[in-house]
Amino acid sequence: MLRSSLHQKQAGFTLTELIITIVLGGIVAAMTTSILTLPINAYIDNARRATLTDVAESALKRMQRDIRRALPNSIRISADRQTLELIHTVAGGRYRSSYALDGTGDILDFTQNDTSVDVLGTIQNLDEVNLGSDRVVIYPLSTEGSNAYAGDNTSILNSVTTANHLNFAAKTFPRTSPQQRFFIIDSPITYHCDLSATAEKDKVLLRYDGYNINTTQPTPPSSGSAMQANYLASCSFSYHSGSSTRSALVTLEMVVTDEAGESIRLVHQVHVDNQP
């Protein structure tokens, strides 16, 4: 009788109880894993999207800065909409078009070669000017005879005196500016989407500068590129020149995709003052 009582007190779990415990434990583990996995995956996805967004936004902001300092009517887009070119301005101001009341002053003569002119007020951003290589531009248009790419209305800037007097290579400028405005330009800038690579990380947005102005349609130079963004899936640039009462509009679109397949699309629009 005593042995039977001790045997009953030492009895363990039955097989049924053990199976139930294992099943319940599996259910709890599965629920816990699901609860933890969803926010972790969401965090990882958001981090990947943020990284891609930072890459694209940084490139678009750089493009925006250059576009807003573009010479009026100098923005042009390639036929495939993957190359954008502009002429970069470094300074500007207003030139004298009439003599002072006492008959003094150096005005700009549009009837013959001229080499100098007085500036009204001060020249903006004069510290960025490189004499002997930068050019003076008067009344830039996209039409024949006033096209800065063709050099119709540009002349090399030789010197600037302390009296705000511009000296430039002899030039007969074809048209007067209604607002007596002049611009000083340095070199063109080109942005090009190179999507020719096979690997996603090697599909890049490139920036070129420091090359000579030419009349041909915008094509990326053969050298001198600086990468602005990678992992490009596609990109597209468009330009609407606007009118005399409405600013021009540049639309920049980029799709960036990482190696894991995460993708974001950014569209950025920049208003451009084309009043020459």
Protein backbone atom coordinates (compact mmCIF):
# COMPACT_ATOMS: atom_id res chain seq x y z
CA MET A 1 0.00 0.00 0.00
CA LEU A 2 2.80 2.40 0.80
CA ARG A 3 4.66 1.52 -2.41
CA SER A 4 1.58 2.27 -4.55
CA SER A 5 1.16 5.71 -2.94
CA LEU A 6 4.83 6.64 -3.55
CA HIS A 7 4.60 5.47 -7.17
CA GLN A 8 1.58 7.72 -7.78
CA LYS A 9 3.31 10.79 -6.33
CA GLN A 10 6.32 10.37 -8.65
CA ALA A 11 4.26 10.04 -11.86
CA GLY A 12 5.25 12.61 -14.67
CA PHE A 13 3.37 14.18 -17.65
CA THR A 14 1.38 11.97 -19.90
CA LEU A 15 2.12 11.85 -23.63
CA THR A 16 -1.04 13.79 -24.39
CA GLU A 17 -0.09 16.59 -22.04
CA LEU A 18 3.40 16.81 -23.58
CA ILE A 19 1.99 17.05 -27.10
CA ILE A 20 -0.46 19.77 -26.07
CA THR A 21 2.38 21.73 -24.44
CA ILE A 22 4.54 21.49 -27.56
CA VAL A 23 1.68 22.60 -29.84
CA LEU A 24 0.80 25.55 -27.63
CA GLY A 25 4.47 26.55 -27.43
CA GLY A 26 4.73 26.46 -31.23
CA ILE A 27 1.65 28.64 -31.61
CA VAL A 28 2.99 31.21 -29.14
CA ALA A 29 6.41 31.23 -30.88
CA ALA A 30 4.81 31.69 -34.30
CA MET A 31 2.69 34.59 -33.06
CA THR A 32 5.67 36.22 -31.37
CA THR A 33 7.81 35.85 -34.50
CA SER A 34 5.07 37.39 -36.65
CA ILE A 35 4.61 40.31 -34.26
CA LEU A 36 8.34 41.05 -34.17
CA THR A 37 9.06 40.41 -37.86
CA LEU A 38 6.59 42.91 -39.32
CA PRO A 39 7.96 46.06 -37.61
CA ILE A 40 11.56 44.93 -38.15
CA ASN A 41 10.96 44.41 -41.87
CA ALA A 42 9.11 47.73 -42.06
CA TYR A 43 12.07 49.48 -40.41
CA ILE A 44 14.53 47.86 -42.81
CA ASP A 45 12.38 48.81 -45.83
CA ASN A 46 12.06 52.41 -44.63
CA ALA A 47 15.82 52.61 -44.09
CA ARG A 48 16.46 51.37 -47.64
CA ARG A 49 13.96 53.86 -49.07
CA ALA A 50 15.54 56.68 -47.06
CA THR A 51 18.98 55.79 -48.40
CA LEU A 52 17.72 55.78 -51.99
CA THR A 53 15.84 59.05 -51.42
CA ASP A 54 18.94 60.74 -50.01
CA VAL A 55 20.96 59.69 -53.05
CA ALA A 56 18.39 61.02 -55.50
CA GLU A 57 17.56 64.21 -53.59
CA SER A 58 21.21 65.17 -53.25
CA ALA A 59 21.68 64.90 -57.01
CA LEU A 60 18.45 66.78 -57.78
CA LYS A 61 19.37 69.63 -55.43
CA ARG A 62 22.76 69.98 -57.12
CA MET A 63 21.00 70.13 -60.49
CA GLN A 64 18.58 72.71 -59.15
CA ARG A 65 21.42 75.01 -58.02
CA ASP A 66 23.04 74.84 -61.44
CA ILE A 67 19.77 75.31 -63.31
CA ARG A 68 18.89 78.43 -61.32
CA ARG A 69 22.25 79.95 -62.30
CA ALA A 70 21.87 79.05 -65.96
CA LEU A 71 22.23 81.75 -68.60
CA PRO A 72 18.74 82.69 -69.82
CA ASN A 73 17.63 80.56 -72.76
CA SER A 74 20.68 78.29 -72.53
CA ILE A 75 19.01 75.13 -71.20
CA ARG A 76 18.68 72.38 -73.78
CA ILE A 77 17.65 68.72 -73.59
CA SER A 78 18.75 65.80 -75.77
CA ALA A 79 16.21 63.93 -77.90
CA ASP A 80 16.23 60.91 -75.57
CA ARG A 81 15.66 63.23 -72.57
CA GLN A 82 18.60 61.77 -70.67
CA THR A 83 21.05 64.66 -71.16
CA LEU A 84 20.61 68.25 -69.95
CA GLU A 85 23.03 71.07 -70.80
CA LEU A 86 23.21 74.69 -69.67
CA ILE A 87 25.66 77.59 -69.67
CA HIS A 88 26.65 78.59 -66.15
CA THR A 89 26.63 82.26 -65.12
CA VAL A 90 29.05 83.50 -62.48
CA ALA A 91 28.17 87.21 -62.38
CA GLY A 92 26.04 89.89 -63.96
CA GLY A 93 24.72 93.42 -63.79
CA ARG A 94 23.53 96.33 -65.91
CA TYR A 95 25.60 98.25 -68.44
CA ARG A 96 25.42 101.96 -69.25
CA SER A 97 23.35 102.69 -72.34
CA SER A 98 23.29 106.50 -72.19
CA TYR A 99 25.68 109.25 -71.10
CA ALA A 100 25.43 111.03 -67.77
CA LEU A 101 23.95 114.52 -67.59
CA ASP A 102 27.44 116.01 -67.89
CA GLY A 103 28.13 113.98 -71.01
CA THR A 104 30.52 111.54 -69.36
CA GLY A 105 30.46 107.77 -69.22
CA ASP A 106 31.38 104.82 -71.40
CA ILE A 107 28.33 103.40 -73.15
CA LEU A 108 28.10 100.18 -75.13
CA ASP A 109 28.15 100.86 -78.89
CA PHE A 110 26.09 98.33 -80.85
CA THR A 111 26.93 99.83 -84.26
CA GLN A 112 30.59 98.78 -84.33
CA ASN A 113 33.25 96.81 -82.45
CA ASP A 114 33.40 97.97 -78.84
CA THR A 115 35.85 96.94 -76.12
CA SER A 116 34.54 98.45 -72.89
CA VAL A 117 31.49 99.71 -71.03
CA ASP A 118 30.60 101.21 -67.66
CA VAL A 119 28.58 99.15 -65.19
CA LEU A 120 25.66 100.66 -63.30
CA GLY A 121 25.98 99.83 -59.63
CA THR A 122 28.11 96.85 -58.66
CA ILE A 123 28.81 93.56 -60.37
CA GLN A 124 27.22 90.61 -58.63
CA ASN A 125 29.59 87.79 -57.57
CA LEU A 126 32.66 89.53 -59.00
CA ASP A 127 34.94 87.33 -56.86
CA GLU A 128 33.90 84.29 -58.93
CA VAL A 129 35.04 85.80 -62.25
CA ASN A 130 38.12 84.41 -64.05
CA LEU A 131 39.51 87.10 -66.32
CA GLY A 132 40.76 86.01 -69.71
CA SER A 133 38.51 82.93 -69.87
CA ASP A 134 35.04 84.03 -68.76
CA ARG A 135 32.83 85.76 -71.32
CA VAL A 136 30.46 88.73 -71.38
CA VAL A 137 27.02 88.00 -72.85
CA ILE A 138 24.45 90.57 -74.00
CA TYR A 139 20.79 89.67 -74.59
CA PRO A 140 20.99 85.86 -74.77
CA LEU A 141 18.26 84.24 -76.82
CA SER A 142 17.90 80.81 -78.34
CA THR A 143 17.52 82.28 -81.84
CA GLU A 144 20.12 82.72 -84.55
CA GLY A 145 22.19 85.86 -84.05
CA SER A 146 21.80 85.90 -80.26
CA ASN A 147 22.78 82.35 -79.38
CA ALA A 148 25.49 82.09 -76.72
CA TYR A 149 26.35 78.53 -77.82
CA ALA A 150 27.28 79.91 -81.25
CA GLY A 151 29.17 82.87 -79.75
CA ASP A 152 26.96 85.40 -81.53
CA ASN A 153 26.62 87.67 -78.52
CA THR A 154 29.64 86.81 -76.35
CA SER A 155 33.08 88.31 -75.87
CA ILE A 156 36.03 87.32 -73.66
CA LEU A 157 36.27 89.44 -70.50
CA ASN A 158 39.77 90.90 -70.16
CA SER A 159 39.55 93.03 -67.01
CA VAL A 160 37.30 94.79 -64.53
CA THR A 161 38.51 98.08 -63.03
CA THR A 162 37.70 99.32 -59.55
CA ALA A 163 35.34 101.85 -61.11
CA ASN A 164 33.13 98.98 -62.33
CA HIS A 165 34.32 99.24 -65.89
CA LEU A 166 34.33 96.15 -68.10
CA ASN A 167 37.04 95.61 -70.72
CA PHE A 168 36.52 92.82 -73.23
CA ALA A 169 37.68 91.62 -76.63
CA ALA A 170 36.45 93.74 -79.55
CA LYS A 171 32.88 92.77 -80.39
CA THR A 172 29.84 94.12 -82.18
CA PHE A 173 26.97 92.80 -80.11
CA PRO A 174 23.95 92.10 -82.35
CA ARG A 175 21.11 93.23 -80.07
CA THR A 176 20.60 95.57 -77.16
CA SER A 177 19.07 94.32 -73.94
CA PRO A 178 15.76 96.04 -73.07
CA GLN A 179 16.85 96.05 -69.41
CA GLN A 180 20.53 96.83 -70.15
CA ARG A 181 21.52 93.52 -68.62
CA PHE A 182 24.79 91.68 -69.13
CA PHE A 183 25.91 88.26 -67.90
CA ILE A 184 29.34 86.79 -67.29
CA ILE A 185 29.59 83.08 -68.04
CA ASP A 186 32.34 80.52 -67.49
CA SER A 187 31.61 77.10 -69.04
CA PRO A 188 28.73 74.82 -69.92
CA ILE A 189 27.50 72.13 -67.53
CA THR A 190 26.07 68.82 -68.68
CA TYR A 191 24.11 66.23 -66.70
CA HIS A 192 23.85 62.82 -68.32
CA CYS A 193 22.13 59.60 -67.23
CA ASP A 194 24.35 56.68 -68.18
CA LEU A 195 22.17 53.56 -68.07
CA SER A 196 24.37 51.41 -70.28
CA ALA A 197 25.86 49.27 -67.47
CA THR A 198 24.47 45.87 -66.54
CA ALA A 199 24.81 46.16 -62.77
CA GLU A 200 22.32 48.44 -61.06
CA LYS A 201 25.01 50.16 -59.00
CA ASP A 202 26.87 51.17 -62.18
CA LYS A 203 23.90 53.00 -63.74
CA VAL A 204 24.78 56.56 -62.82
CA LEU A 205 24.00 60.27 -63.17
CA LEU A 206 27.14 62.13 -64.32
CA ARG A 207 27.99 65.84 -64.21
CA TYR A 208 30.45 67.45 -66.66
CA ASP A 209 31.90 70.97 -66.60
CA GLY A 210 35.00 72.87 -67.68
CA TYR A 211 34.69 72.04 -71.38
CA ASN A 212 34.38 74.40 -74.36
CA ILE A 213 31.08 75.77 -75.55
CA ASN A 214 29.91 74.19 -78.79
CA THR A 215 26.91 74.49 -81.06
CA THR A 216 26.12 70.78 -81.32
CA GLN A 217 23.16 69.25 -79.55
CA PRO A 218 23.82 68.27 -75.90
CA THR A 219 26.00 65.19 -75.75
CA PRO A 220 28.15 64.11 -72.80
CA PRO A 221 31.85 65.02 -73.17
CA SER A 222 34.35 62.19 -73.45
CA SER A 223 36.00 62.97 -70.09
CA GLY A 224 35.76 65.06 -66.93
CA SER A 225 32.70 63.42 -65.38
CA ALA A 226 31.77 63.41 -61.70
CA MET A 227 29.22 60.91 -60.42
CA GLN A 228 26.19 62.46 -58.72
CA ALA A 229 24.06 59.36 -58.11
CA ASN A 230 24.09 55.63 -58.83
CA TYR A 231 21.57 52.77 -58.85
CA LEU A 232 19.53 54.57 -61.51
CA ALA A 233 16.72 52.55 -63.05
CA SER A 234 15.62 55.38 -65.33
CA CYS A 235 15.65 59.16 -65.65
CA SER A 236 13.99 61.80 -67.79
CA PHE A 237 14.52 65.56 -68.22
CA SER A 238 12.12 67.98 -69.87
CA TYR A 239 12.15 71.73 -70.50
CA HIS A 240 9.35 74.16 -71.31
CA SER A 241 10.76 77.54 -72.31
CA GLY A 242 7.80 79.57 -71.05
CA SER A 243 6.95 83.02 -72.41
CA SER A 244 7.53 86.71 -71.80
CA THR A 245 5.08 86.59 -68.89
CA ARG A 246 5.74 83.10 -67.53
CA SER A 247 8.91 81.47 -66.25
CA ALA A 248 10.38 78.44 -67.95
CA LEU A 249 10.03 75.08 -66.22
CA VAL A 250 12.51 72.23 -66.00
CA THR A 251 11.19 68.84 -64.85
CA LEU A 252 13.64 66.27 -63.49
CA GLU A 253 12.53 62.69 -62.94
CA MET A 254 14.63 59.87 -61.50
CA VAL A 255 13.87 56.29 -60.51
CA VAL A 256 16.46 54.72 -58.20
CA THR A 257 16.48 50.97 -57.44
CA ASP A 258 18.83 49.08 -55.13
CA GLU A 259 20.15 45.53 -55.56
CA ALA A 260 17.39 44.09 -53.36
CA GLY A 261 14.69 45.50 -55.63
CA GLU A 262 13.58 48.42 -53.45
CA SER A 263 12.67 51.38 -55.71
CA ILE A 264 11.70 55.05 -55.34
CA ARG A 265 10.66 57.65 -57.91
CA LEU A 266 11.36 61.36 -57.44
CA VAL A 267 10.06 64.22 -59.59
CA HIS A 268 11.51 67.70 -59.12
CA GLN A 269 10.51 70.89 -60.95
CA VAL A 270 12.59 74.06 -61.19
CA HIS A 271 11.34 77.43 -62.39
CA VAL A 272 13.80 79.35 -64.57
CA ASP A 273 13.86 83.09 -65.27
CA ASN A 274 14.60 83.41 -68.97
CA GLN A 275 14.28 87.17 -69.16
CA PRO A 276 17.50 88.31 -70.91
